[in-house]
């Protein structure tokens, strides 16, 4: 955990007990597509070493990539003067919590059309949120959609 940070500041989910965290990682990235993959690789290396979600790493990696891409592209508008924050916590008994925050104004998740019906099947948009919700056990949007909380147990 970065010095001076307490887990309670970053992990409001009551399920995650700060005293049981086996991994607590916080990374900030510049809002550019090229910044996503290095952060994903660093986070996933730490997640694999922590072994808090053995066998579920592929699902977590894809959900993380999608969440960061959405934050960089839609939230921060790929503006290199803006940043996106990623916070990861593993609790040996509860799984993994990933929070991605962007500086955007947010969105209303319920207004995103399902990519599995009608003409939306052919759309180039809306698949990221669908994938995240299929891959993770719990997904919540906060701060008007500018923050996503993802849990894999």
C-alpha atoms as a PDB file:
ATOM      1  CA  UNK A   1       0.000   0.000   0.000  1.00  0.00           C
ATOM      2  CA  UNK A   2       1.372   3.456  -0.784  1.00  0.00           C
ATOM      3  CA  UNK A   3       2.698   5.022   2.394  1.00  0.00           C
ATOM      4  CA  UNK A   4       0.318   7.416   4.081  1.00  0.00           C
ATOM      5  CA  UNK A   5      -2.757   5.817   2.492  1.00  0.00           C
ATOM      6  CA  UNK A   6      -5.196   3.899   4.590  1.00  0.00           C
ATOM      7  CA  UNK A   7      -7.300   1.228   2.886  1.00  0.00           C
ATOM      8  CA  UNK A   8     -10.486   2.762   4.259  1.00  0.00           C
ATOM      9  CA  UNK A   9      -9.922   5.815   2.052  1.00  0.00           C
ATOM     10  CA  UNK A  10     -10.026   3.739  -1.107  1.00  0.00           C
ATOM     11  CA  UNK A  11     -12.207   0.707  -0.348  1.00  0.00           C
ATOM     12  CA  UNK A  12     -15.655   1.674   0.828  1.00  0.00           C
ATOM     13  CA  UNK A  13     -17.020  -1.804   0.130  1.00  0.00           C
ATOM     14  CA  UNK A  14     -17.788  -3.248   3.541  1.00  0.00           C
ATOM     15  CA  UNK A  15     -16.995  -6.777   2.354  1.00  0.00           C
ATOM     16  CA  UNK A  16     -13.304  -5.974   2.079  1.00  0.00           C
ATOM     17  CA  UNK A  17     -11.619  -5.978   5.476  1.00  0.00           C
ATOM     18  CA  UNK A  18      -8.561  -3.684   5.328  1.00  0.00           C
ATOM     19  CA  UNK A  19      -6.745  -5.855   7.876  1.00  0.00           C
ATOM     20  CA  UNK A  20      -7.021  -8.884   5.561  1.00  0.00           C
ATOM     21  CA  UNK A  21      -5.789  -7.293   2.342  1.00  0.00           C
ATOM     22  CA  UNK A  22      -3.074  -9.340   0.672  1.00  0.00           C
ATOM     23  CA  UNK A  23      -2.640  -6.756  -2.064  1.00  0.00           C
ATOM     24  CA  UNK A  24      -3.349  -3.053  -2.141  1.00  0.00           C
ATOM     25  CA  UNK A  25      -2.204  -1.281  -5.279  1.00  0.00           C
ATOM     26  CA  UNK A  26      -2.974   2.159  -6.660  1.00  0.00           C
ATOM     27  CA  UNK A  27      -1.868   3.362 -10.093  1.00  0.00           C
ATOM     28  CA  UNK A  28      -2.517   6.550 -12.030  1.00  0.00           C
ATOM     29  CA  UNK A  29      -2.183   6.623 -15.788  1.00  0.00           C
ATOM     30  CA  UNK A  30      -2.168   9.348 -18.390  1.00  0.00           C
ATOM     31  CA  UNK A  31      -5.380   9.327 -20.420  1.00  0.00           C
ATOM     32  CA  UNK A  32      -3.843   7.778 -23.542  1.00  0.00           C
ATOM     33  CA  UNK A  33      -4.556   4.339 -25.003  1.00  0.00           C
ATOM     34  CA  UNK A  34      -0.858   3.433 -24.925  1.00  0.00           C
ATOM     35  CA  UNK A  35      -0.831   3.838 -21.138  1.00  0.00           C
ATOM     36  CA  UNK A  36      -3.451   1.122 -20.572  1.00  0.00           C
ATOM     37  CA  UNK A  37      -1.506  -2.060 -21.310  1.00  0.00           C
ATOM     38  CA  UNK A  38       1.485  -1.381 -19.021  1.00  0.00           C
ATOM     39  CA  UNK A  39      -0.877  -0.755 -16.097  1.00  0.00           C
ATOM     40  CA  UNK A  40      -2.896  -3.883 -16.882  1.00  0.00           C
ATOM     41  CA  UNK A  41       0.285  -5.971 -17.012  1.00  0.00           C
ATOM     42  CA  UNK A  42       1.587  -4.548 -13.727  1.00  0.00           C
ATOM     43  CA  UNK A  43      -1.739  -5.086 -11.955  1.00  0.00           C
ATOM     44  CA  UNK A  44      -2.139  -8.603 -13.283  1.00  0.00           C
ATOM     45  CA  UNK A  45       1.389  -9.580 -12.255  1.00  0.00           C
ATOM     46  CA  UNK A  46       0.602  -8.412  -8.720  1.00  0.00           C
ATOM     47  CA  UNK A  47      -2.771 -10.198  -8.753  1.00  0.00           C
ATOM     48  CA  UNK A  48      -1.155 -13.461  -9.864  1.00  0.00           C
ATOM     49  CA  UNK A  49       1.471 -13.191  -7.122  1.00  0.00           C
ATOM     50  CA  UNK A  50      -1.171 -12.436  -4.467  1.00  0.00           C
ATOM     51  CA  UNK A  51      -3.148 -15.562  -5.515  1.00  0.00           C
ATOM     52  CA  UNK A  52      -6.431 -14.158  -4.245  1.00  0.00           C
ATOM     53  CA  UNK A  53      -8.458 -15.262  -7.291  1.00  0.00           C
ATOM     54  CA  UNK A  54      -6.624 -18.308  -8.656  1.00  0.00           C
ATOM     55  CA  UNK A  55      -7.993 -19.420 -12.009  1.00  0.00           C
ATOM     56  CA  UNK A  56      -9.994 -16.242 -12.655  1.00  0.00           C
ATOM     57  CA  UNK A  57      -7.161 -14.008 -13.840  1.00  0.00           C
ATOM     58  CA  UNK A  58      -8.193 -13.992 -17.514  1.00  0.00           C
ATOM     59  CA  UNK A  59     -11.660 -12.660 -16.700  1.00  0.00           C
ATOM     60  CA  UNK A  60     -10.208 -10.020 -14.398  1.00  0.00           C
ATOM     61  CA  UNK A  61      -7.627  -8.945 -16.979  1.00  0.00           C
ATOM     62  CA  UNK A  62     -10.220  -8.456 -19.722  1.00  0.00           C
ATOM     63  CA  UNK A  63     -12.599  -6.579 -17.390  1.00  0.00           C
ATOM     64  CA  UNK A  64      -9.734  -4.330 -16.258  1.00  0.00           C
ATOM     65  CA  UNK A  65      -8.716  -3.605 -19.864  1.00  0.00           C
ATOM     66  CA  UNK A  66     -12.282  -2.688 -20.765  1.00  0.00           C
ATOM     67  CA  UNK A  67     -12.786  -0.489 -17.695  1.00  0.00           C
ATOM     68  CA  UNK A  68      -9.519   1.381 -18.277  1.00  0.00           C
ATOM     69  CA  UNK A  69     -10.261   1.792 -21.993  1.00  0.00           C
ATOM     70  CA  UNK A  70     -13.700   3.213 -21.215  1.00  0.00           C
ATOM     71  CA  UNK A  71     -12.192   5.604 -18.663  1.00  0.00           C
ATOM     72  CA  UNK A  72      -9.436   6.789 -21.022  1.00  0.00           C
ATOM     73  CA  UNK A  73     -11.570   7.044 -24.177  1.00  0.00           C
ATOM     74  CA  UNK A  74     -14.964   8.117 -22.867  1.00  0.00           C
ATOM     75  CA  UNK A  75     -14.262   9.600 -19.432  1.00  0.00           C
ATOM     76  CA  UNK A  76     -11.008  11.448 -20.089  1.00  0.00           C
ATOM     77  CA  UNK A  77     -11.552  11.866 -23.860  1.00  0.00           C
ATOM     78  CA  UNK A  78      -7.955  10.691 -24.470  1.00  0.00           C
ATOM     79  CA  UNK A  79      -6.706  14.028 -23.177  1.00  0.00           C
ATOM     80  CA  UNK A  80      -3.064  13.534 -22.114  1.00  0.00           C
ATOM     81  CA  UNK A  81      -3.417  16.330 -19.561  1.00  0.00           C
ATOM     82  CA  UNK A  82      -5.947  14.187 -17.671  1.00  0.00           C
ATOM     83  CA  UNK A  83      -5.407  11.049 -15.622  1.00  0.00           C
ATOM     84  CA  UNK A  84      -7.278   7.868 -14.763  1.00  0.00           C
ATOM     85  CA  UNK A  85      -6.890   6.120 -11.423  1.00  0.00           C
ATOM     86  CA  UNK A  86      -6.914   2.379 -10.810  1.00  0.00           C
ATOM     87  CA  UNK A  87      -7.101   0.917  -7.300  1.00  0.00           C
ATOM     88  CA  UNK A  88      -6.865  -2.817  -6.651  1.00  0.00           C
ATOM     89  CA  UNK A  89      -7.358  -4.701  -3.397  1.00  0.00           C
ATOM     90  CA  UNK A  90      -7.271  -8.432  -2.729  1.00  0.00           C
ATOM     91  CA  UNK A  91      -8.782  -9.918   0.395  1.00  0.00           C
ATOM     92  CA  UNK A  92      -7.807 -13.555   0.783  1.00  0.00           C
ATOM     93  CA  UNK A  93     -11.337 -14.470   1.840  1.00  0.00           C
ATOM     94  CA  UNK A  94     -13.401 -12.149  -0.361  1.00  0.00           C
ATOM     95  CA  UNK A  95     -11.605 -11.961  -3.712  1.00  0.00           C
ATOM     96  CA  UNK A  96     -10.557  -8.880  -5.631  1.00  0.00           C
ATOM     97  CA  UNK A  97     -11.918  -5.350  -5.775  1.00  0.00           C
ATOM     98  CA  UNK A  98     -10.943  -3.068  -8.663  1.00  0.00           C
ATOM     99  CA  UNK A  99     -11.937   0.587  -8.806  1.00  0.00           C
ATOM    100  CA  UNK A 100     -11.358   2.694 -11.922  1.00  0.00           C
ATOM    101  CA  UNK A 101     -11.964   6.451 -11.715  1.00  0.00           C
ATOM    102  CA  UNK A 102     -11.909   8.972 -14.523  1.00  0.00           C
ATOM    103  CA  UNK A 103     -12.224  12.773 -14.540  1.00  0.00           C
ATOM    104  CA  UNK A 104     -15.257  12.792 -16.818  1.00  0.00           C
ATOM    105  CA  UNK A 105     -18.786  13.897 -16.085  1.00  0.00           C
ATOM    106  CA  UNK A 106     -19.949  10.292 -16.075  1.00  0.00           C
ATOM    107  CA  UNK A 107     -22.920   8.659 -17.758  1.00  0.00           C
ATOM    108  CA  UNK A 108     -26.073   6.787 -16.892  1.00  0.00           C
ATOM    109  CA  UNK A 109     -25.369   3.052 -17.289  1.00  0.00           C
ATOM    110  CA  UNK A 110     -29.061   2.269 -17.722  1.00  0.00           C
ATOM    111  CA  UNK A 111     -29.100   4.336 -20.938  1.00  0.00           C
ATOM    112  CA  UNK A 112     -26.539   2.092 -22.659  1.00  0.00           C
ATOM    113  CA  UNK A 113     -28.420  -0.102 -25.109  1.00  0.00           C
ATOM    114  CA  UNK A 114     -27.890  -3.843 -24.807  1.00  0.00           C
ATOM    115  CA  UNK A 115     -25.401  -5.071 -27.382  1.00  0.00           C
ATOM    116  CA  UNK A 116     -27.166  -8.431 -27.544  1.00  0.00           C
ATOM    117  CA  UNK A 117     -30.456  -7.397 -29.156  1.00  0.00           C
ATOM    118  CA  UNK A 118     -31.641  -6.020 -32.471  1.00  0.00           C
ATOM    119  CA  UNK A 119     -29.434  -3.726 -34.493  1.00  0.00           C
ATOM    120  CA  UNK A 120     -27.218  -3.158 -31.454  1.00  0.00           C
ATOM    121  CA  UNK A 121     -25.556  -6.510 -32.188  1.00  0.00           C
ATOM    122  CA  UNK A 122     -23.737  -4.736 -35.037  1.00  0.00           C
ATOM    123  CA  UNK A 123     -22.866  -1.595 -33.075  1.00  0.00           C
ATOM    124  CA  UNK A 124     -19.260  -0.638 -32.361  1.00  0.00           C
ATOM    125  CA  UNK A 125     -20.191   0.631 -28.879  1.00  0.00           C
ATOM    126  CA  UNK A 126     -21.592  -0.778 -25.652  1.00  0.00           C
ATOM    127  CA  UNK A 127     -19.723  -4.062 -25.521  1.00  0.00           C
ATOM    128  CA  UNK A 128     -17.241  -3.050 -22.805  1.00  0.00           C
ATOM    129  CA  UNK A 129     -19.816  -2.603 -20.074  1.00  0.00           C
ATOM    130  CA  UNK A 130     -21.591  -5.779 -21.170  1.00  0.00           C
ATOM    131  CA  UNK A 131     -18.326  -7.740 -21.016  1.00  0.00           C
ATOM    132  CA  UNK A 132     -17.419  -6.332 -17.613  1.00  0.00           C
ATOM    133  CA  UNK A 133     -20.817  -7.273 -16.205  1.00  0.00           C
ATOM    134  CA  UNK A 134     -20.482 -10.814 -17.597  1.00  0.00           C
ATOM    135  CA  UNK A 135     -16.905 -11.316 -16.380  1.00  0.00           C
ATOM    136  CA  UNK A 136     -17.142  -9.886 -12.858  1.00  0.00           C
ATOM    137  CA  UNK A 137     -19.365 -11.025  -9.985  1.00  0.00           C
ATOM    138  CA  UNK A 138     -20.392  -7.545  -8.930  1.00  0.00           C
ATOM    139  CA  UNK A 139     -20.278  -4.238 -10.832  1.00  0.00           C
ATOM    140  CA  UNK A 140     -21.348  -0.879  -9.444  1.00  0.00           C
ATOM    141  CA  UNK A 141     -21.113   2.575 -10.939  1.00  0.00           C
ATOM    142  CA  UNK A 142     -20.506   5.531  -8.677  1.00  0.00           C
ATOM    143  CA  UNK A 143     -20.016   9.271  -9.113  1.00  0.00           C
ATOM    144  CA  UNK A 144     -22.524   9.414 -11.984  1.00  0.00           C
ATOM    145  CA  UNK A 145     -20.665   6.641 -13.806  1.00  0.00           C
ATOM    146  CA  UNK A 146     -17.212   8.256 -13.608  1.00  0.00           C
ATOM    147  CA  UNK A 147     -16.171   5.464 -11.230  1.00  0.00           C
ATOM    148  CA  UNK A 148     -16.669   1.723 -11.595  1.00  0.00           C
ATOM    149  CA  UNK A 149     -16.287  -0.814  -8.777  1.00  0.00           C
ATOM    150  CA  UNK A 150     -15.753  -4.397  -9.892  1.00  0.00           C
ATOM    151  CA  UNK A 151     -15.575  -7.467  -7.640  1.00  0.00           C
ATOM    152  CA  UNK A 152     -14.512 -11.002  -8.528  1.00  0.00           C
ATOM    153  CA  UNK A 153     -14.906 -13.599  -5.789  1.00  0.00           C
END
